[in-house]
Structures are given as C-alpha cells and as structure tokens.
Protein backbone atom coordinates (compact mmCIF):
# COMPACT_ATOMS: atom_id res chain seq x y z
CA MET A 1 121.91 116.55 108.84
CA ASN A 2 120.05 116.21 112.14
CA TYR A 3 117.78 113.33 113.10
CA TYR A 4 114.91 113.08 115.52
CA TYR A 5 113.13 109.83 116.27
CA SER A 6 109.49 110.61 116.94
CA ASN A 7 107.55 108.14 119.03
CA SER A 8 104.48 110.33 119.51
CA GLY A 9 102.09 107.87 117.88
CA ILE A 10 104.05 106.05 115.20
CA ASN A 11 107.79 105.51 115.17
CA MET A 12 109.37 107.81 112.61
CA LYS A 13 112.85 109.01 111.79
CA ILE A 14 112.71 112.68 110.88
CA GLU A 15 115.70 114.17 109.09
CA TYR A 16 116.08 117.93 109.16
CA GLU A 17 118.59 120.65 108.54
CA LYS A 18 118.27 124.02 110.22
CA GLU A 19 114.47 124.34 110.48
CA ILE A 20 113.57 122.44 107.33
CA ILE A 21 112.41 118.83 107.30
CA LYS A 22 114.20 116.84 104.61
CA LYS A 23 112.65 113.41 105.07
CA ILE A 24 110.25 111.49 107.29
CA LYS A 25 110.42 107.70 107.27
CA PHE A 26 108.44 105.17 109.25
CA THR A 27 110.76 102.98 111.27
CA ASP A 28 110.71 99.99 113.60
CA THR A 29 113.41 101.70 115.65
CA TYR A 30 112.33 103.12 118.97
CA LYS A 31 114.63 105.69 120.48
CA ASN A 32 113.82 107.71 123.53
CA ASP A 33 115.23 110.90 122.03
CA LYS A 34 115.00 114.06 124.09
CA PRO A 35 114.23 116.68 121.44
CA LYS A 36 116.36 119.79 121.20
CA GLY A 37 115.96 122.95 119.15
CA PHE A 38 113.75 122.46 116.08
CA ALA A 39 112.97 118.88 117.14
CA ILE A 40 110.94 120.30 120.05
CA LYS A 41 108.62 122.02 117.54
CA ILE A 42 108.39 118.80 115.51
CA LYS A 43 107.52 116.77 118.62
CA ARG A 44 104.87 119.24 119.82
CA GLN A 45 103.10 119.22 116.47
CA PHE A 46 103.14 115.43 116.05
CA ASP A 47 101.96 114.98 119.67
CA LYS A 48 98.99 117.25 118.94
CA TYR A 49 98.30 115.53 115.60
CA TYR A 50 98.10 112.07 117.19
CA LYS A 51 95.75 113.44 119.86
CA GLY A 52 93.47 114.80 117.12
CA LYS A 53 94.23 118.39 118.11
CA LEU A 54 96.27 119.44 115.08
CA ARG A 55 94.76 119.47 111.62
CA LYS A 56 97.51 121.22 109.67
CA PHE A 57 101.22 121.17 110.35
CA ASN A 58 103.20 124.39 110.54
CA LEU A 59 106.60 122.95 109.67
CA LYS A 60 108.78 123.82 106.69
CA TYR A 61 109.92 120.97 104.47
CA ASP A 62 112.05 120.44 101.41
CA LEU A 63 109.91 119.45 98.45
CA LYS A 64 111.88 117.34 95.98
CA GLY A 65 111.02 115.93 92.58
CA THR A 66 110.10 116.86 89.05
CA THR A 67 107.63 119.62 88.24
CA PHE A 68 104.92 116.95 87.90
CA GLN A 69 105.78 115.33 91.25
CA LYS A 70 105.88 118.66 93.07
CA LYS A 71 102.49 119.64 91.63
CA ILE A 72 100.96 116.37 92.87
CA LEU A 73 102.53 116.78 96.33
CA LYS A 74 101.41 120.41 96.63
CA THR A 75 97.88 119.47 95.61
CA MET A 76 97.90 116.69 98.19
CA THR A 77 98.56 119.22 100.95
CA LYS A 78 95.21 120.85 100.13
CA ILE A 79 93.18 117.76 100.99
CA PRO A 80 91.37 118.63 104.22
CA TYR A 81 92.05 116.77 107.44
CA GLY A 82 89.73 113.78 107.76
CA LYS A 83 88.87 113.67 104.06
CA THR A 84 90.00 111.20 101.42
CA ILE A 85 90.08 111.42 97.64
CA SER A 86 90.96 108.91 94.95
CA TYR A 87 94.19 108.77 93.00
CA LYS A 88 92.11 109.75 89.97
CA GLU A 89 90.66 112.79 91.74
CA LEU A 90 94.13 113.86 92.82
CA ALA A 91 95.34 113.58 89.23
CA GLU A 92 92.41 115.70 88.04
CA LYS A 93 92.84 118.34 90.77
CA SER A 94 96.55 118.54 89.89
CA GLY A 95 95.82 119.19 86.21
CA TYR A 96 96.85 115.74 84.97
CA PRO A 97 93.49 113.94 84.57
CA LYS A 98 94.88 110.81 82.92
CA ALA A 99 97.94 110.39 85.13
CA TYR A 100 96.33 108.61 88.09
CA ARG A 101 98.77 105.67 87.91
CA ALA A 102 101.68 108.10 87.99
CA VAL A 103 100.01 109.82 90.94
CA GLY A 104 100.14 106.50 92.78
CA SER A 105 103.87 106.37 92.14
CA VAL A 106 104.33 109.90 93.50
CA CYS A 107 102.40 108.94 96.63
CA SER A 108 104.55 105.86 97.16
CA HIS A 109 107.72 107.97 96.98
CA ASN A 110 106.53 110.79 99.25
CA ASP A 111 109.45 111.75 101.52
CA ILE A 112 107.37 113.91 103.86
CA VAL A 113 104.72 111.42 105.02
CA ILE A 114 101.82 112.59 107.18
CA ILE A 115 102.69 116.28 106.70
CA ILE A 116 102.12 115.73 102.96
CA PRO A 117 99.11 113.48 103.55
CA CYS A 118 99.46 110.66 101.02
CA HIS A 119 97.47 108.50 103.48
CA ARG A 120 94.38 110.49 102.40
CA ILE A 121 94.59 109.09 98.86
CA ILE A 122 92.53 105.96 98.23
CA ALA A 123 91.49 103.80 95.29
CA LEU A 124 88.54 104.88 93.15
CA ASN A 125 86.53 101.87 94.40
CA GLY A 126 87.02 103.00 98.01
CA GLY A 127 89.82 100.53 98.75
CA LEU A 128 92.82 101.82 100.61
CA GLY A 129 95.44 101.19 97.95
CA GLY A 130 99.03 101.02 99.19
CA PHE A 131 100.92 102.95 101.83
CA SER A 132 104.58 102.50 102.66
CA ASP A 133 104.01 98.73 102.70
CA ASP A 134 101.63 99.10 105.66
CA VAL A 135 97.95 99.39 104.77
CA GLU A 136 97.00 98.94 108.44
CA LEU A 137 98.96 102.08 109.25
CA LYS A 138 97.10 103.95 106.51
CA LYS A 139 93.80 102.72 107.94
CA ARG A 140 94.90 103.87 111.40
CA LEU A 141 95.79 107.39 110.18
CA ILE A 142 92.51 107.75 108.27
CA GLY A 143 90.63 106.52 111.35
CA LEU A 144 92.49 108.95 113.59
CA GLU A 145 91.54 111.87 111.35
CA LYS A 146 87.92 110.77 111.02
CA GLY A 147 87.64 110.28 114.78
CA ILE A 148 87.05 106.54 114.50
C-alpha cells in the first residue's frame, strides 16, 4: 500500500495501490510529501478542486461495502458539484425510499471522502447533519463548491 499526504486544502492521508485509491482520511498530520507517480495525479486534481477549478475527479477508487452501500455511494457521485440533497432524497434516488437513516450511516463510513461527495448530503430541514466529526469542514466544502 502507498500513502500520500495531501495538504492542498485540507490535510488528508490518501492510501492507494497501483492507480486505485483505497481510502481517504482527514488527518491532523501535516507532511510535506513530494508526490511521485500516481500521487502526482492525485495532487493535481485536489489542487484544482480546492481552487474551484475541478468539478469532477478523474481518479479510480475501490468501492467497498454491501450492495446497498455501494448503490448509495454510486448515487452520491451523481450529485452535481455545488448542489446538496437530503439524506431522504439520496435514499429515494438510490431506490431505498425509507432507508434514509441507513443512508446516514453509509455517509459516515464513506472511505473515499470528497471524491464520493458525502459532504453534499444534508438534513431534510436544511441542517448540515454530521461529517467525519467536523461539521465546520463540511460547511467549508459546501461553501467552496457554491463559491461562498
């Protein structure tokens, strides 16, 4: 397994093998990694994303989970840049209209954050809901995408 610590806009540890991202985790660790190989492509895309110049990532990733979880995650990738939908809407769009609480659980266990944009999922009442224990970070990502 290879690791790249991205500091483009938010500190993240990105695990990858060959040219497939396995996991992205937010981290407090700052490392001044000089990217090599596939990590160069990762860095370029995240740099552009944080500058508001990239709306859709072109990086392969390993999607893990049950059939239900994968369906929710795949549906999440179709939410347009700068848009938000509720957990309930995501459940409905995924074909599981009554599973919005379970959708919240899938979002909280998303291993490919930002690329699979769980930050675009909000509460039905317009509240932000949770996000990797950092609602301010979720607000920042939504603001970035909306140009705020």
